[in-house]
């Protein structure tokens, strides 16, 4: 996994971003939780660069731009993968 910050592209041009912005999505969270979201965003972008998601191949999805969820322990991350922009957008995080 390539740990990178928001909007920093990997060699294939993939990156993750908060949508609409960091303050809206993770504002008010503890630093440890924000760091965990950044690691998840980076991992999701790394998977998307390979044509994958946590649930399998992205090409097999009949609704490719749908809002997806990924959960880890007590955190639920709502995100979208937009292949033509090479972006993973983190839209909401629930703790």
C-alpha atoms as a PDB file:
ATOM      1  CA  UNK A   1       0.000   0.000   0.000  1.00  0.00           C
ATOM      2  CA  UNK A   2       1.201   3.475  -0.838  1.00  0.00           C
ATOM      3  CA  UNK A   3       0.386   5.841   2.021  1.00  0.00           C
ATOM      4  CA  UNK A   4      -0.174   9.241   0.509  1.00  0.00           C
ATOM      5  CA  UNK A   5      -2.139  12.331   1.365  1.00  0.00           C
ATOM      6  CA  UNK A   6      -5.388  13.556  -0.077  1.00  0.00           C
ATOM      7  CA  UNK A   7      -5.159  14.305  -3.785  1.00  0.00           C
ATOM      8  CA  UNK A   8      -1.617  12.909  -4.151  1.00  0.00           C
ATOM      9  CA  UNK A   9      -1.554  10.648  -7.197  1.00  0.00           C
ATOM     10  CA  UNK A  10       0.316   7.367  -7.475  1.00  0.00           C
ATOM     11  CA  UNK A  11       2.340   6.481 -10.574  1.00  0.00           C
ATOM     12  CA  UNK A  12      -0.849   5.399 -12.389  1.00  0.00           C
ATOM     13  CA  UNK A  13      -2.538   8.743 -11.625  1.00  0.00           C
ATOM     14  CA  UNK A  14      -4.961   7.436  -8.963  1.00  0.00           C
ATOM     15  CA  UNK A  15      -5.689   9.444  -5.827  1.00  0.00           C
ATOM     16  CA  UNK A  16      -8.356   9.794  -3.154  1.00  0.00           C
ATOM     17  CA  UNK A  17     -10.124  12.958  -2.045  1.00  0.00           C
ATOM     18  CA  UNK A  18     -12.720  14.062   0.472  1.00  0.00           C
ATOM     19  CA  UNK A  19     -16.007  15.072  -1.107  1.00  0.00           C
ATOM     20  CA  UNK A  20     -16.941  17.896  -0.680  1.00  0.00           C
ATOM     21  CA  UNK A  21     -13.968  18.595   1.633  1.00  0.00           C
ATOM     22  CA  UNK A  22     -12.059  17.393   4.677  1.00  0.00           C
ATOM     23  CA  UNK A  23     -13.889  19.646   7.123  1.00  0.00           C
ATOM     24  CA  UNK A  24     -17.269  18.336   5.964  1.00  0.00           C
ATOM     25  CA  UNK A  25     -16.280  14.648   6.007  1.00  0.00           C
ATOM     26  CA  UNK A  26     -13.892  14.295   8.953  1.00  0.00           C
ATOM     27  CA  UNK A  27     -14.113  17.659  10.707  1.00  0.00           C
ATOM     28  CA  UNK A  28     -14.236  17.269  14.471  1.00  0.00           C
ATOM     29  CA  UNK A  29     -12.793  13.758  14.469  1.00  0.00           C
ATOM     30  CA  UNK A  30      -9.860  12.762  16.650  1.00  0.00           C
ATOM     31  CA  UNK A  31      -6.493  12.760  14.898  1.00  0.00           C
ATOM     32  CA  UNK A  32      -6.216   8.974  15.217  1.00  0.00           C
ATOM     33  CA  UNK A  33      -9.567   8.516  13.466  1.00  0.00           C
ATOM     34  CA  UNK A  34      -8.617  10.983  10.726  1.00  0.00           C
ATOM     35  CA  UNK A  35      -5.364   9.082  10.164  1.00  0.00           C
ATOM     36  CA  UNK A  36      -7.324   5.833   9.918  1.00  0.00           C
ATOM     37  CA  UNK A  37      -9.594   7.375   7.262  1.00  0.00           C
ATOM     38  CA  UNK A  38      -6.541   8.530   5.299  1.00  0.00           C
ATOM     39  CA  UNK A  39      -5.062   5.021   5.380  1.00  0.00           C
ATOM     40  CA  UNK A  40      -8.387   3.600   4.177  1.00  0.00           C
ATOM     41  CA  UNK A  41      -8.596   6.208   1.399  1.00  0.00           C
ATOM     42  CA  UNK A  42      -5.086   5.373   0.255  1.00  0.00           C
ATOM     43  CA  UNK A  43      -5.822   1.637   0.320  1.00  0.00           C
ATOM     44  CA  UNK A  44      -9.048   2.086  -1.661  1.00  0.00           C
ATOM     45  CA  UNK A  45      -7.193   4.156  -4.276  1.00  0.00           C
ATOM     46  CA  UNK A  46      -4.478   1.483  -4.503  1.00  0.00           C
ATOM     47  CA  UNK A  47      -7.144  -1.183  -5.059  1.00  0.00           C
ATOM     48  CA  UNK A  48      -8.989   0.932  -7.634  1.00  0.00           C
ATOM     49  CA  UNK A  49      -5.744   1.457  -9.566  1.00  0.00           C
ATOM     50  CA  UNK A  50      -5.679  -2.335  -9.985  1.00  0.00           C
ATOM     51  CA  UNK A  51      -9.341  -2.454 -11.037  1.00  0.00           C
ATOM     52  CA  UNK A  52     -10.385  -3.855  -7.683  1.00  0.00           C
ATOM     53  CA  UNK A  53     -12.523  -2.923  -4.720  1.00  0.00           C
ATOM     54  CA  UNK A  54     -12.915  -4.590  -1.334  1.00  0.00           C
ATOM     55  CA  UNK A  55     -15.727  -6.706  -2.838  1.00  0.00           C
ATOM     56  CA  UNK A  56     -13.954  -7.785  -6.045  1.00  0.00           C
ATOM     57  CA  UNK A  57     -13.486  -6.519  -9.580  1.00  0.00           C
ATOM     58  CA  UNK A  58     -14.786  -3.032 -10.311  1.00  0.00           C
ATOM     59  CA  UNK A  59     -15.632  -4.039 -13.897  1.00  0.00           C
ATOM     60  CA  UNK A  60     -18.201  -6.554 -12.616  1.00  0.00           C
ATOM     61  CA  UNK A  61     -20.273  -3.849 -10.926  1.00  0.00           C
ATOM     62  CA  UNK A  62     -23.524  -3.051 -12.790  1.00  0.00           C
ATOM     63  CA  UNK A  63     -23.606   0.397 -11.105  1.00  0.00           C
ATOM     64  CA  UNK A  64     -19.966   1.549 -11.180  1.00  0.00           C
ATOM     65  CA  UNK A  65     -20.522   5.079  -9.786  1.00  0.00           C
ATOM     66  CA  UNK A  66     -22.731   4.013  -6.901  1.00  0.00           C
ATOM     67  CA  UNK A  67     -22.053   5.016  -3.321  1.00  0.00           C
ATOM     68  CA  UNK A  68     -20.160   2.149  -1.670  1.00  0.00           C
ATOM     69  CA  UNK A  69     -19.404   1.338   1.941  1.00  0.00           C
ATOM     70  CA  UNK A  70     -16.370  -0.086   3.652  1.00  0.00           C
ATOM     71  CA  UNK A  71     -16.326  -0.894   7.350  1.00  0.00           C
ATOM     72  CA  UNK A  72     -13.528  -1.585   9.758  1.00  0.00           C
ATOM     73  CA  UNK A  73     -14.141  -2.149  13.459  1.00  0.00           C
ATOM     74  CA  UNK A  74     -16.468   0.724  14.473  1.00  0.00           C
ATOM     75  CA  UNK A  75     -15.835   2.896  11.394  1.00  0.00           C
ATOM     76  CA  UNK A  76     -18.068   2.976   8.321  1.00  0.00           C
ATOM     77  CA  UNK A  77     -16.716   4.812   5.259  1.00  0.00           C
ATOM     78  CA  UNK A  78     -19.002   5.847   2.399  1.00  0.00           C
ATOM     79  CA  UNK A  79     -17.106   6.332  -0.869  1.00  0.00           C
ATOM     80  CA  UNK A  80     -17.314   6.405  -4.668  1.00  0.00           C
ATOM     81  CA  UNK A  81     -14.872   5.149  -7.289  1.00  0.00           C
ATOM     82  CA  UNK A  82     -14.822   7.264 -10.459  1.00  0.00           C
ATOM     83  CA  UNK A  83     -12.521   5.440 -12.926  1.00  0.00           C
ATOM     84  CA  UNK A  84     -12.458   8.081 -15.686  1.00  0.00           C
ATOM     85  CA  UNK A  85     -11.159  10.630 -13.150  1.00  0.00           C
ATOM     86  CA  UNK A  86      -8.920   8.057 -11.431  1.00  0.00           C
ATOM     87  CA  UNK A  87     -10.338   9.116  -8.082  1.00  0.00           C
ATOM     88  CA  UNK A  88     -11.806   7.581  -4.971  1.00  0.00           C
ATOM     89  CA  UNK A  89     -14.042  10.100  -3.224  1.00  0.00           C
ATOM     90  CA  UNK A  90     -14.575   9.706   0.527  1.00  0.00           C
ATOM     91  CA  UNK A  91     -18.074  11.134   1.074  1.00  0.00           C
ATOM     92  CA  UNK A  92     -18.922  10.308   4.682  1.00  0.00           C
ATOM     93  CA  UNK A  93     -17.474   8.582   7.724  1.00  0.00           C
ATOM     94  CA  UNK A  94     -19.504   7.217  10.630  1.00  0.00           C
ATOM     95  CA  UNK A  95     -17.914   6.150  13.896  1.00  0.00           C
END
